[in-house]
Amino acid sequence: MVPMKTPSVLLDHLTRTFTADQQFFDEMMAQPAGGRFVEMCIWYLWLHDYLHDIQDSLTEAAKAHSKEYQVWVVSMAAGAAQSIGMLMYLLCRGVVHEASAAGRRALEYLGMMSHLVRDPSKARFLVNPESQDFERAFIRGQDRNAAQRLKAEGIRYRFSGMSAGNAKAATGLYAVFSRFNVHGGTISSLVSLALTPTGNSCAFHNRSLEHIASQVPLFGPLLEITAIELMDLVARHGTPSQRISQAGACVLVWLNRDDPRWLERVRAMRLDLGLREANEP
C-alpha cells in the first residue's frame, strides 16, 4: 500500500515553500551572517529559559501593588518574548521585513514594561490604549522640557523608562525597524525582496540572500538589549532568587565577547547547529 502524502508534503510540491526555507537557512548560515545568528540563538534560548523566573521575580515583588499591575507586567514580558520568537522564526526563513515588524513590537513591549515597573501607578492608564493618558504615560510624555532634553540625548520618550544606555540603543533600533515596517509597511520593505525568482524563492516569497544576510546583524542587538533591560528591572524591582542570579551571571559574562565562557557557549551552539569552526577543515 502506497503511504498517503501529508498536506505539508503536497503543499511543498505546489509551492516549494518548506524546501526553500531550509535551503535559504543553510545558505545563510554558510555566510558571515550565520555567526551572528548563532549568537542570537544563544540569547534567545536564555530568554526562553529564564522568562518565567523573571516574571515570577517581578510579580513576587509587586504584591504591594494592584493585581492589574501584576497581570500587565507578566503580559508585557511575555509579549516581548513572543515577538522576539517570531522574529527568529521569520529571520531564519528570510522574511526580513516582517521580522522587522516583530522586532519593533518587541521594543514597544519592552519600553512600556520599563515605564510600568519603574512607576506601577501607570497601570491604570493601560485600560484604554487609545486615550491621551496612555499616550502621555507611555508614548509622548507630558513635560515639554523633558521631551526636548530626551530628544537632544537621542532618546524617544517611549524608551525613557529604560536604563540610559539601553534607552538610546532601543531608540536607534526602533528607527531602523520602522524604516521597514510601520503602520502596515513602508517602501523600504520592498528593498529586501528579489524582483525576480531566485534559487531561494518559493511561490510565496522571493528572497535576496545577499541583502538579507547583510541585514541579519541589525537584529542581534535587540536580544542583548532585552536581556540587559530585563535583568536591570529585576535587580532593581524584583525578588532575588537563585535562578535570577544565574540569569544575571550569564548576561554579565556573555557581554564580554572575549570571555572564554562566551566563546565556549558559541562553540557549543555551533555544534548544536551542525556548523564547523572557522579553523576546521
C-alpha atoms as a PDB file:
ATOM      1  CA  MET A   1       0.000   0.000   0.000  1.00  0.00           C
ATOM      2  CA  VAL A   2       1.430   3.379  -1.010  1.00  0.00           C
ATOM      3  CA  PRO A   3       1.527   5.714   2.025  1.00  0.00           C
ATOM      4  CA  MET A   4      -0.580   8.846   1.718  1.00  0.00           C
ATOM      5  CA  LYS A   5       1.332  12.073   1.346  1.00  0.00           C
ATOM      6  CA  THR A   6       0.751  14.591   4.109  1.00  0.00           C
ATOM      7  CA  PRO A   7      -0.713  18.056   3.424  1.00  0.00           C
ATOM      8  CA  SER A   8       2.653  19.643   4.166  1.00  0.00           C
ATOM      9  CA  VAL A   9       4.363  17.500   1.535  1.00  0.00           C
ATOM     10  CA  LEU A  10       1.673  18.221  -1.009  1.00  0.00           C
ATOM     11  CA  LEU A  11       1.833  21.963  -0.290  1.00  0.00           C
ATOM     12  CA  ASP A  12       5.594  21.855  -0.761  1.00  0.00           C
ATOM     13  CA  HIS A  13       5.067  20.186  -4.152  1.00  0.00           C
ATOM     14  CA  LEU A  14       2.819  23.086  -5.139  1.00  0.00           C
ATOM     15  CA  THR A  15       4.823  25.977  -3.688  1.00  0.00           C
ATOM     16  CA  ARG A  16       8.301  24.723  -2.681  1.00  0.00           C
ATOM     17  CA  THR A  17       7.878  26.762   0.495  1.00  0.00           C
ATOM     18  CA  PHE A  18       9.341  24.377   3.093  1.00  0.00           C
ATOM     19  CA  THR A  19      12.150  23.272   0.817  1.00  0.00           C
ATOM     20  CA  ALA A  20      13.030  26.912   0.104  1.00  0.00           C
ATOM     21  CA  ASP A  21      13.013  27.736   3.827  1.00  0.00           C
ATOM     22  CA  GLN A  22      15.553  25.025   4.563  1.00  0.00           C
ATOM     23  CA  GLN A  23      17.740  25.824   1.582  1.00  0.00           C
ATOM     24  CA  PHE A  24      17.783  29.521   2.407  1.00  0.00           C
ATOM     25  CA  PHE A  25      18.718  28.945   6.047  1.00  0.00           C
ATOM     26  CA  ASP A  26      21.526  26.536   5.166  1.00  0.00           C
ATOM     27  CA  GLU A  27      22.989  29.004   2.680  1.00  0.00           C
ATOM     28  CA  MET A  28      22.668  31.934   5.084  1.00  0.00           C
ATOM     29  CA  MET A  29      24.460  30.003   7.811  1.00  0.00           C
ATOM     30  CA  ALA A  30      27.369  29.394   5.445  1.00  0.00           C
ATOM     31  CA  GLN A  31      27.901  33.171   5.246  1.00  0.00           C
ATOM     32  CA  PRO A  32      29.341  35.511   7.905  1.00  0.00           C
ATOM     33  CA  ALA A  33      25.769  36.366   8.926  1.00  0.00           C
ATOM     34  CA  GLY A  34      25.484  32.811  10.192  1.00  0.00           C
ATOM     35  CA  GLY A  35      27.848  33.617  13.033  1.00  0.00           C
ATOM     36  CA  ARG A  36      25.617  36.471  14.152  1.00  0.00           C
ATOM     37  CA  PHE A  37      22.558  34.247  14.016  1.00  0.00           C
ATOM     38  CA  VAL A  38      24.357  31.711  16.234  1.00  0.00           C
ATOM     39  CA  GLU A  39      24.834  34.447  18.834  1.00  0.00           C
ATOM     40  CA  MET A  40      21.166  35.427  18.559  1.00  0.00           C
ATOM     41  CA  CYS A  41      20.210  31.800  19.247  1.00  0.00           C
ATOM     42  CA  ILE A  42      22.217  31.887  22.477  1.00  0.00           C
ATOM     43  CA  TRP A  43      20.412  34.993  23.702  1.00  0.00           C
ATOM     44  CA  TYR A  44      17.023  33.689  22.608  1.00  0.00           C
ATOM     45  CA  LEU A  45      17.494  30.407  24.482  1.00  0.00           C
ATOM     46  CA  TRP A  46      18.478  32.449  27.545  1.00  0.00           C
ATOM     47  CA  LEU A  47      15.203  34.363  27.279  1.00  0.00           C
ATOM     48  CA  HIS A  48      13.265  31.140  26.787  1.00  0.00           C
ATOM     49  CA  ASP A  49      14.935  29.515  29.811  1.00  0.00           C
ATOM     50  CA  TYR A  50      14.574  32.406  32.263  1.00  0.00           C
ATOM     51  CA  LEU A  51      11.397  34.207  31.186  1.00  0.00           C
ATOM     52  CA  HIS A  52       9.169  32.616  33.835  1.00  0.00           C
ATOM     53  CA  ASP A  53      11.738  33.295  36.551  1.00  0.00           C
ATOM     54  CA  ILE A  54      11.841  36.960  35.548  1.00  0.00           C
ATOM     55  CA  GLN A  55       8.050  37.174  35.554  1.00  0.00           C
ATOM     56  CA  ASP A  56       7.851  35.448  38.955  1.00  0.00           C
ATOM     57  CA  SER A  57      10.514  37.744  40.410  1.00  0.00           C
ATOM     58  CA  LEU A  58       8.692  40.889  39.360  1.00  0.00           C
ATOM     59  CA  THR A  59       5.235  39.717  40.430  1.00  0.00           C
ATOM     60  CA  GLU A  60       6.515  38.424  43.786  1.00  0.00           C
ATOM     61  CA  ALA A  61       7.952  41.856  44.496  1.00  0.00           C
ATOM     62  CA  ALA A  62       4.751  43.536  43.302  1.00  0.00           C
ATOM     63  CA  LYS A  63       2.404  42.195  45.988  1.00  0.00           C
ATOM     64  CA  ALA A  64       2.044  45.693  47.384  1.00  0.00           C
ATOM     65  CA  HIS A  65       0.756  46.881  44.022  1.00  0.00           C
ATOM     66  CA  SER A  66      -2.534  46.221  42.257  1.00  0.00           C
ATOM     67  CA  LYS A  67      -3.418  42.881  40.712  1.00  0.00           C
ATOM     68  CA  GLU A  68      -3.863  44.780  37.465  1.00  0.00           C
ATOM     69  CA  TYR A  69      -0.216  45.854  37.604  1.00  0.00           C
ATOM     70  CA  GLN A  70       0.981  42.295  38.168  1.00  0.00           C
ATOM     71  CA  VAL A  71      -1.015  40.984  35.213  1.00  0.00           C
ATOM     72  CA  TRP A  72       0.334  43.673  32.904  1.00  0.00           C
ATOM     73  CA  VAL A  73       3.947  43.067  33.927  1.00  0.00           C
ATOM     74  CA  VAL A  74       3.643  39.361  33.136  1.00  0.00           C
ATOM     75  CA  SER A  75       1.828  40.088  29.859  1.00  0.00           C
ATOM     76  CA  MET A  76       4.355  42.636  28.635  1.00  0.00           C
ATOM     77  CA  ALA A  77       7.316  40.370  29.355  1.00  0.00           C
ATOM     78  CA  ALA A  78       5.531  37.559  27.526  1.00  0.00           C
ATOM     79  CA  GLY A  79       4.678  39.896  24.647  1.00  0.00           C
ATOM     80  CA  ALA A  80       8.299  40.917  24.197  1.00  0.00           C
ATOM     81  CA  ALA A  81       9.454  37.291  24.300  1.00  0.00           C
ATOM     82  CA  GLN A  82       6.770  36.153  21.865  1.00  0.00           C
ATOM     83  CA  SER A  83       7.674  38.923  19.417  1.00  0.00           C
ATOM     84  CA  ILE A  84      11.350  38.004  19.592  1.00  0.00           C
ATOM     85  CA  GLY A  85      10.447  34.370  18.982  1.00  0.00           C
ATOM     86  CA  MET A  86       8.516  35.391  15.877  1.00  0.00           C
ATOM     87  CA  LEU A  87      11.493  37.491  14.774  1.00  0.00           C
ATOM     88  CA  MET A  88      13.752  34.429  14.989  1.00  0.00           C
ATOM     89  CA  TYR A  89      11.196  32.309  13.135  1.00  0.00           C
ATOM     90  CA  LEU A  90      10.872  34.799  10.283  1.00  0.00           C
ATOM     91  CA  LEU A  91      14.527  35.746  10.038  1.00  0.00           C
ATOM     92  CA  CYS A  92      15.728  32.184   9.549  1.00  0.00           C
ATOM     93  CA  ARG A  93      13.232  31.920   6.682  1.00  0.00           C
ATOM     94  CA  GLY A  94      14.420  35.118   5.021  1.00  0.00           C
ATOM     95  CA  VAL A  95      11.273  37.170   5.644  1.00  0.00           C
ATOM     96  CA  VAL A  96      13.285  40.103   6.892  1.00  0.00           C
ATOM     97  CA  HIS A  97      10.718  42.899   6.545  1.00  0.00           C
ATOM     98  CA  GLU A  98       8.185  41.030   8.692  1.00  0.00           C
ATOM     99  CA  ALA A  99      10.950  40.144  11.160  1.00  0.00           C
ATOM    100  CA  SER A 100      11.493  43.897  11.475  1.00  0.00           C
ATOM    101  CA  ALA A 101       7.835  44.321  12.434  1.00  0.00           C
ATOM    102  CA  ALA A 102       8.228  41.705  15.162  1.00  0.00           C
ATOM    103  CA  GLY A 103      11.364  43.435  16.421  1.00  0.00           C
ATOM    104  CA  ARG A 104       9.591  46.773  16.525  1.00  0.00           C
ATOM    105  CA  ARG A 105       6.754  45.231  18.511  1.00  0.00           C
ATOM    106  CA  ALA A 106       9.179  43.643  20.982  1.00  0.00           C
ATOM    107  CA  LEU A 107      10.764  47.040  21.632  1.00  0.00           C
ATOM    108  CA  GLU A 108       7.347  48.597  22.206  1.00  0.00           C
ATOM    109  CA  TYR A 109       6.517  45.995  24.840  1.00  0.00           C
ATOM    110  CA  LEU A 110       9.905  46.423  26.492  1.00  0.00           C
ATOM    111  CA  GLY A 111       9.591  50.207  26.576  1.00  0.00           C
ATOM    112  CA  MET A 112       6.119  50.094  28.155  1.00  0.00           C
ATOM    113  CA  MET A 113       7.201  47.447  30.640  1.00  0.00           C
ATOM    114  CA  SER A 114      10.137  49.582  31.754  1.00  0.00           C
ATOM    115  CA  HIS A 115       7.861  52.573  32.345  1.00  0.00           C
ATOM    116  CA  LEU A 116       5.378  50.416  34.243  1.00  0.00           C
ATOM    117  CA  VAL A 117       7.829  48.605  36.509  1.00  0.00           C
ATOM    118  CA  ARG A 118       9.539  51.848  37.484  1.00  0.00           C
ATOM    119  CA  ASP A 119       6.175  53.552  38.074  1.00  0.00           C
ATOM    120  CA  PRO A 120       3.440  50.983  38.903  1.00  0.00           C
ATOM    121  CA  SER A 121       0.825  53.742  39.182  1.00  0.00           C
ATOM    122  CA  LYS A 122       0.810  53.895  35.372  1.00  0.00           C
ATOM    123  CA  ALA A 123      -1.071  50.582  35.291  1.00  0.00           C
ATOM    124  CA  ARG A 124      -4.358  52.483  35.457  1.00  0.00           C
ATOM    125  CA  PHE A 125      -3.678  54.024  32.050  1.00  0.00           C
ATOM    126  CA  LEU A 126      -3.381  50.664  30.290  1.00  0.00           C
ATOM    127  CA  VAL A 127      -7.128  50.078  30.296  1.00  0.00           C
ATOM    128  CA  ASN A 128      -7.560  52.390  27.307  1.00  0.00           C
ATOM    129  CA  PRO A 129      -4.527  52.447  24.975  1.00  0.00           C
ATOM    130  CA  GLU A 130      -6.324  54.950  22.733  1.00  0.00           C
ATOM    131  CA  SER A 131      -6.552  57.579  25.485  1.00  0.00           C
ATOM    132  CA  GLN A 132      -4.422  60.683  25.907  1.00  0.00           C
ATOM    133  CA  ASP A 133      -3.498  59.464  29.386  1.00  0.00           C
ATOM    134  CA  PHE A 134      -1.962  56.352  27.862  1.00  0.00           C
ATOM    135  CA  GLU A 135      -0.101  58.448  25.292  1.00  0.00           C
ATOM    136  CA  ARG A 136       1.313  60.723  27.979  1.00  0.00           C
ATOM    137  CA  ALA A 137       2.263  57.850  30.274  1.00  0.00           C
ATOM    138  CA  PHE A 138       3.947  55.561  27.757  1.00  0.00           C
ATOM    139  CA  ILE A 139       4.443  57.209  24.365  1.00  0.00           C
ATOM    140  CA  ARG A 140       4.773  61.004  24.387  1.00  0.00           C
ATOM    141  CA  GLY A 141       5.232  62.242  27.950  1.00  0.00           C
ATOM    142  CA  GLN A 142       3.716  65.449  29.237  1.00  0.00           C
ATOM    143  CA  ASP A 143       6.727  67.589  30.146  1.00  0.00           C
ATOM    144  CA  ARG A 144       7.859  69.596  27.097  1.00  0.00           C
ATOM    145  CA  ASN A 145      11.234  70.467  28.609  1.00  0.00           C
ATOM    146  CA  ALA A 146      11.900  66.833  29.454  1.00  0.00           C
ATOM    147  CA  ALA A 147      10.898  65.857  25.922  1.00  0.00           C
ATOM    148  CA  GLN A 148      13.372  68.310  24.445  1.00  0.00           C
ATOM    149  CA  ARG A 149      16.113  67.036  26.741  1.00  0.00           C
ATOM    150  CA  LEU A 150      15.421  63.435  25.722  1.00  0.00           C
ATOM    151  CA  LYS A 151      15.423  64.380  22.044  1.00  0.00           C
ATOM    152  CA  ALA A 152      18.807  66.072  22.451  1.00  0.00           C
ATOM    153  CA  GLU A 153      20.089  62.864  24.017  1.00  0.00           C
ATOM    154  CA  GLY A 154      18.735  60.776  21.130  1.00  0.00           C
ATOM    155  CA  ILE A 155      16.062  59.059  23.236  1.00  0.00           C
ATOM    156  CA  ARG A 156      12.360  58.631  22.452  1.00  0.00           C
ATOM    157  CA  TYR A 157      10.077  59.077  25.438  1.00  0.00           C
ATOM    158  CA  ARG A 158       8.610  55.585  24.911  1.00  0.00           C
ATOM    159  CA  PHE A 159      12.032  54.170  25.873  1.00  0.00           C
ATOM    160  CA  SER A 160      12.950  56.717  28.551  1.00  0.00           C
ATOM    161  CA  GLY A 161      11.924  54.318  31.329  1.00  0.00           C
ATOM    162  CA  MET A 162      14.833  52.082  30.356  1.00  0.00           C
ATOM    163  CA  SER A 163      18.353  52.433  31.676  1.00  0.00           C
ATOM    164  CA  ALA A 164      20.201  55.238  29.881  1.00  0.00           C
ATOM    165  CA  GLY A 165      22.358  53.159  27.539  1.00  0.00           C
ATOM    166  CA  ASN A 166      19.518  50.848  26.615  1.00  0.00           C
ATOM    167  CA  ALA A 167      17.126  53.762  26.040  1.00  0.00           C
ATOM    168  CA  LYS A 168      19.361  55.272  23.386  1.00  0.00           C
ATOM    169  CA  ALA A 169      20.137  51.915  21.773  1.00  0.00           C
ATOM    170  CA  ALA A 170      16.440  50.987  21.692  1.00  0.00           C
ATOM    171  CA  THR A 171      15.572  54.337  20.126  1.00  0.00           C
ATOM    172  CA  GLY A 172      18.072  53.810  17.327  1.00  0.00           C
ATOM    173  CA  LEU A 173      16.997  50.232  16.727  1.00  0.00           C
ATOM    174  CA  TYR A 174      13.328  51.247  16.698  1.00  0.00           C
ATOM    175  CA  ALA A 175      14.082  53.779  13.968  1.00  0.00           C
ATOM    176  CA  VAL A 176      15.808  51.079  11.896  1.00  0.00           C
ATOM    177  CA  PHE A 177      12.912  48.641  12.234  1.00  0.00           C
ATOM    178  CA  SER A 178      10.395  51.397  11.489  1.00  0.00           C
ATOM    179  CA  ARG A 179      12.042  52.013   8.125  1.00  0.00           C
ATOM    180  CA  PHE A 180      10.896  48.553   7.062  1.00  0.00           C
ATOM    181  CA  ASN A 181       7.552  48.101   8.693  1.00  0.00           C
ATOM    182  CA  VAL A 182       5.336  50.680  10.387  1.00  0.00           C
ATOM    183  CA  HIS A 183       1.559  51.062  10.112  1.00  0.00           C
ATOM    184  CA  GLY A 184       1.267  48.322   7.515  1.00  0.00           C
ATOM    185  CA  GLY A 185       4.662  48.649   5.871  1.00  0.00           C
ATOM    186  CA  THR A 186       6.809  51.176   4.036  1.00  0.00           C
ATOM    187  CA  ILE A 187       8.520  51.356   0.676  1.00  0.00           C
ATOM    188  CA  SER A 188      11.746  50.206   2.362  1.00  0.00           C
ATOM    189  CA  SER A 189      10.155  46.800   2.978  1.00  0.00           C
ATOM    190  CA  LEU A 190      10.390  46.169  -0.765  1.00  0.00           C
ATOM    191  CA  VAL A 191      14.160  46.505  -0.771  1.00  0.00           C
ATOM    192  CA  SER A 192      14.673  43.031   0.689  1.00  0.00           C
ATOM    193  CA  LEU A 193      12.503  41.380  -1.955  1.00  0.00           C
ATOM    194  CA  ALA A 194      14.127  39.991  -5.073  1.00  0.00           C
ATOM    195  CA  LEU A 195      12.331  41.347  -8.137  1.00  0.00           C
ATOM    196  CA  THR A 196      12.600  38.023  -9.927  1.00  0.00           C
ATOM    197  CA  PRO A 197      12.633  34.482  -8.528  1.00  0.00           C
ATOM    198  CA  THR A 198      15.971  33.280  -7.181  1.00  0.00           C
ATOM    199  CA  GLY A 199      17.298  29.913  -6.126  1.00  0.00           C
ATOM    200  CA  ASN A 200      15.904  30.659  -2.658  1.00  0.00           C
ATOM    201  CA  SER A 201      12.405  31.623  -3.807  1.00  0.00           C
ATOM    202  CA  CYS A 202       9.139  29.825  -3.286  1.00  0.00           C
ATOM    203  CA  ALA A 203       5.649  30.608  -4.557  1.00  0.00           C
ATOM    204  CA  PHE A 204       5.054  32.875  -1.553  1.00  0.00           C
ATOM    205  CA  HIS A 205       8.286  34.851  -1.270  1.00  0.00           C
ATOM    206  CA  ASN A 206      11.313  35.876  -3.318  1.00  0.00           C
ATOM    207  CA  ARG A 207      14.403  36.037  -1.132  1.00  0.00           C
ATOM    208  CA  SER A 208      17.532  38.035  -1.854  1.00  0.00           C
ATOM    209  CA  LEU A 209      20.112  36.053   0.101  1.00  0.00           C
ATOM    210  CA  GLU A 210      22.825  38.713  -0.155  1.00  0.00           C
ATOM    211  CA  HIS A 211      20.591  41.522   1.064  1.00  0.00           C
ATOM    212  CA  ILE A 212      19.037  39.514   3.891  1.00  0.00           C
ATOM    213  CA  ALA A 213      22.421  38.284   5.075  1.00  0.00           C
ATOM    214  CA  SER A 214      23.584  41.890   5.261  1.00  0.00           C
ATOM    215  CA  GLN A 215      20.562  42.758   7.436  1.00  0.00           C
ATOM    216  CA  VAL A 216      20.911  39.949   9.995  1.00  0.00           C
ATOM    217  CA  PRO A 217      23.437  41.836  12.182  1.00  0.00           C
ATOM    218  CA  LEU A 218      20.835  44.588  12.725  1.00  0.00           C
ATOM    219  CA  PHE A 219      18.685  42.199  14.743  1.00  0.00           C
ATOM    220  CA  GLY A 220      21.289  40.905  17.175  1.00  0.00           C
ATOM    221  CA  PRO A 221      21.348  43.959  19.472  1.00  0.00           C
ATOM    222  CA  LEU A 222      17.617  43.588  20.178  1.00  0.00           C
ATOM    223  CA  LEU A 223      18.122  40.339  22.053  1.00  0.00           C
ATOM    224  CA  GLU A 224      21.026  41.752  24.041  1.00  0.00           C
ATOM    225  CA  ILE A 225      19.104  44.936  24.915  1.00  0.00           C
ATOM    226  CA  THR A 226      16.178  42.804  26.074  1.00  0.00           C
ATOM    227  CA  ALA A 227      18.338  40.654  28.332  1.00  0.00           C
ATOM    228  CA  ILE A 228      20.138  43.649  29.850  1.00  0.00           C
ATOM    229  CA  GLU A 229      16.937  45.597  30.478  1.00  0.00           C
ATOM    230  CA  LEU A 230      15.053  42.662  31.978  1.00  0.00           C
ATOM    231  CA  MET A 231      17.897  41.956  34.378  1.00  0.00           C
ATOM    232  CA  ASP A 232      18.127  45.640  35.315  1.00  0.00           C
ATOM    233  CA  LEU A 233      14.402  45.691  36.093  1.00  0.00           C
ATOM    234  CA  VAL A 234      14.651  42.514  38.163  1.00  0.00           C
ATOM    235  CA  ALA A 235      17.753  43.704  40.019  1.00  0.00           C
ATOM    236  CA  ARG A 236      16.084  46.975  40.998  1.00  0.00           C
ATOM    237  CA  HIS A 237      12.450  45.951  41.381  1.00  0.00           C
ATOM    238  CA  GLY A 238      12.276  42.160  41.600  1.00  0.00           C
ATOM    239  CA  THR A 239      12.661  39.489  44.264  1.00  0.00           C
ATOM    240  CA  PRO A 240      16.068  37.744  44.257  1.00  0.00           C
ATOM    241  CA  SER A 241      16.348  34.013  43.637  1.00  0.00           C
ATOM    242  CA  GLN A 242      18.997  31.514  42.637  1.00  0.00           C
ATOM    243  CA  ARG A 243      17.611  31.337  39.119  1.00  0.00           C
ATOM    244  CA  ILE A 244      17.661  35.117  38.766  1.00  0.00           C
ATOM    245  CA  SER A 245      21.281  35.145  39.929  1.00  0.00           C
ATOM    246  CA  GLN A 246      22.106  32.542  37.285  1.00  0.00           C
ATOM    247  CA  ALA A 247      20.351  34.586  34.600  1.00  0.00           C
ATOM    248  CA  GLY A 248      22.225  37.735  35.593  1.00  0.00           C
ATOM    249  CA  ALA A 249      25.568  35.927  35.653  1.00  0.00           C
ATOM    250  CA  CYS A 250      25.017  34.737  32.080  1.00  0.00           C
ATOM    251  CA  VAL A 251      24.329  38.280  30.881  1.00  0.00           C
ATOM    252  CA  LEU A 252      27.391  39.699  32.620  1.00  0.00           C
ATOM    253  CA  VAL A 253      29.648  37.005  31.185  1.00  0.00           C
ATOM    254  CA  TRP A 254      28.247  36.937  27.656  1.00  0.00           C
ATOM    255  CA  LEU A 255      28.513  40.678  27.122  1.00  0.00           C
ATOM    256  CA  ASN A 256      32.271  40.195  27.111  1.00  0.00           C
ATOM    257  CA  ARG A 257      32.956  38.669  23.699  1.00  0.00           C
ATOM    258  CA  ASP A 258      36.485  37.721  24.772  1.00  0.00           C
ATOM    259  CA  ASP A 259      35.413  35.767  27.854  1.00  0.00           C
ATOM    260  CA  PRO A 260      36.260  32.059  27.430  1.00  0.00           C
ATOM    261  CA  ARG A 261      32.808  31.117  28.773  1.00  0.00           C
ATOM    262  CA  TRP A 262      31.126  33.091  25.999  1.00  0.00           C
ATOM    263  CA  LEU A 263      33.428  31.598  23.373  1.00  0.00           C
ATOM    264  CA  GLU A 264      32.665  28.120  24.679  1.00  0.00           C
ATOM    265  CA  ARG A 265      28.931  28.828  24.519  1.00  0.00           C
ATOM    266  CA  VAL A 266      29.312  29.928  20.893  1.00  0.00           C
ATOM    267  CA  ARG A 267      31.217  26.757  20.070  1.00  0.00           C
ATOM    268  CA  ALA A 268      28.526  24.653  21.723  1.00  0.00           C
ATOM    269  CA  MET A 269      25.769  26.409  19.794  1.00  0.00           C
ATOM    270  CA  ARG A 270      27.619  25.993  16.517  1.00  0.00           C
ATOM    271  CA  LEU A 271      27.928  22.293  17.305  1.00  0.00           C
ATOM    272  CA  ASP A 272      24.199  22.099  18.054  1.00  0.00           C
ATOM    273  CA  LEU A 273      23.524  23.605  14.618  1.00  0.00           C
ATOM    274  CA  GLY A 274      25.997  21.336  12.860  1.00  0.00           C
ATOM    275  CA  LEU A 275      28.367  24.172  11.960  1.00  0.00           C
ATOM    276  CA  ARG A 276      32.142  23.892  11.795  1.00  0.00           C
ATOM    277  CA  GLU A 277      34.582  26.267  13.397  1.00  0.00           C
ATOM    278  CA  ALA A 278      36.358  28.651  11.028  1.00  0.00           C
ATOM    279  CA  ASN A 279      39.676  26.819  11.513  1.00  0.00           C
ATOM    280  CA  GLU A 280      38.236  23.339  10.961  1.00  0.00           C
ATOM    281  CA  PRO A 281      38.771  21.529   7.661  1.00  0.00           C
END
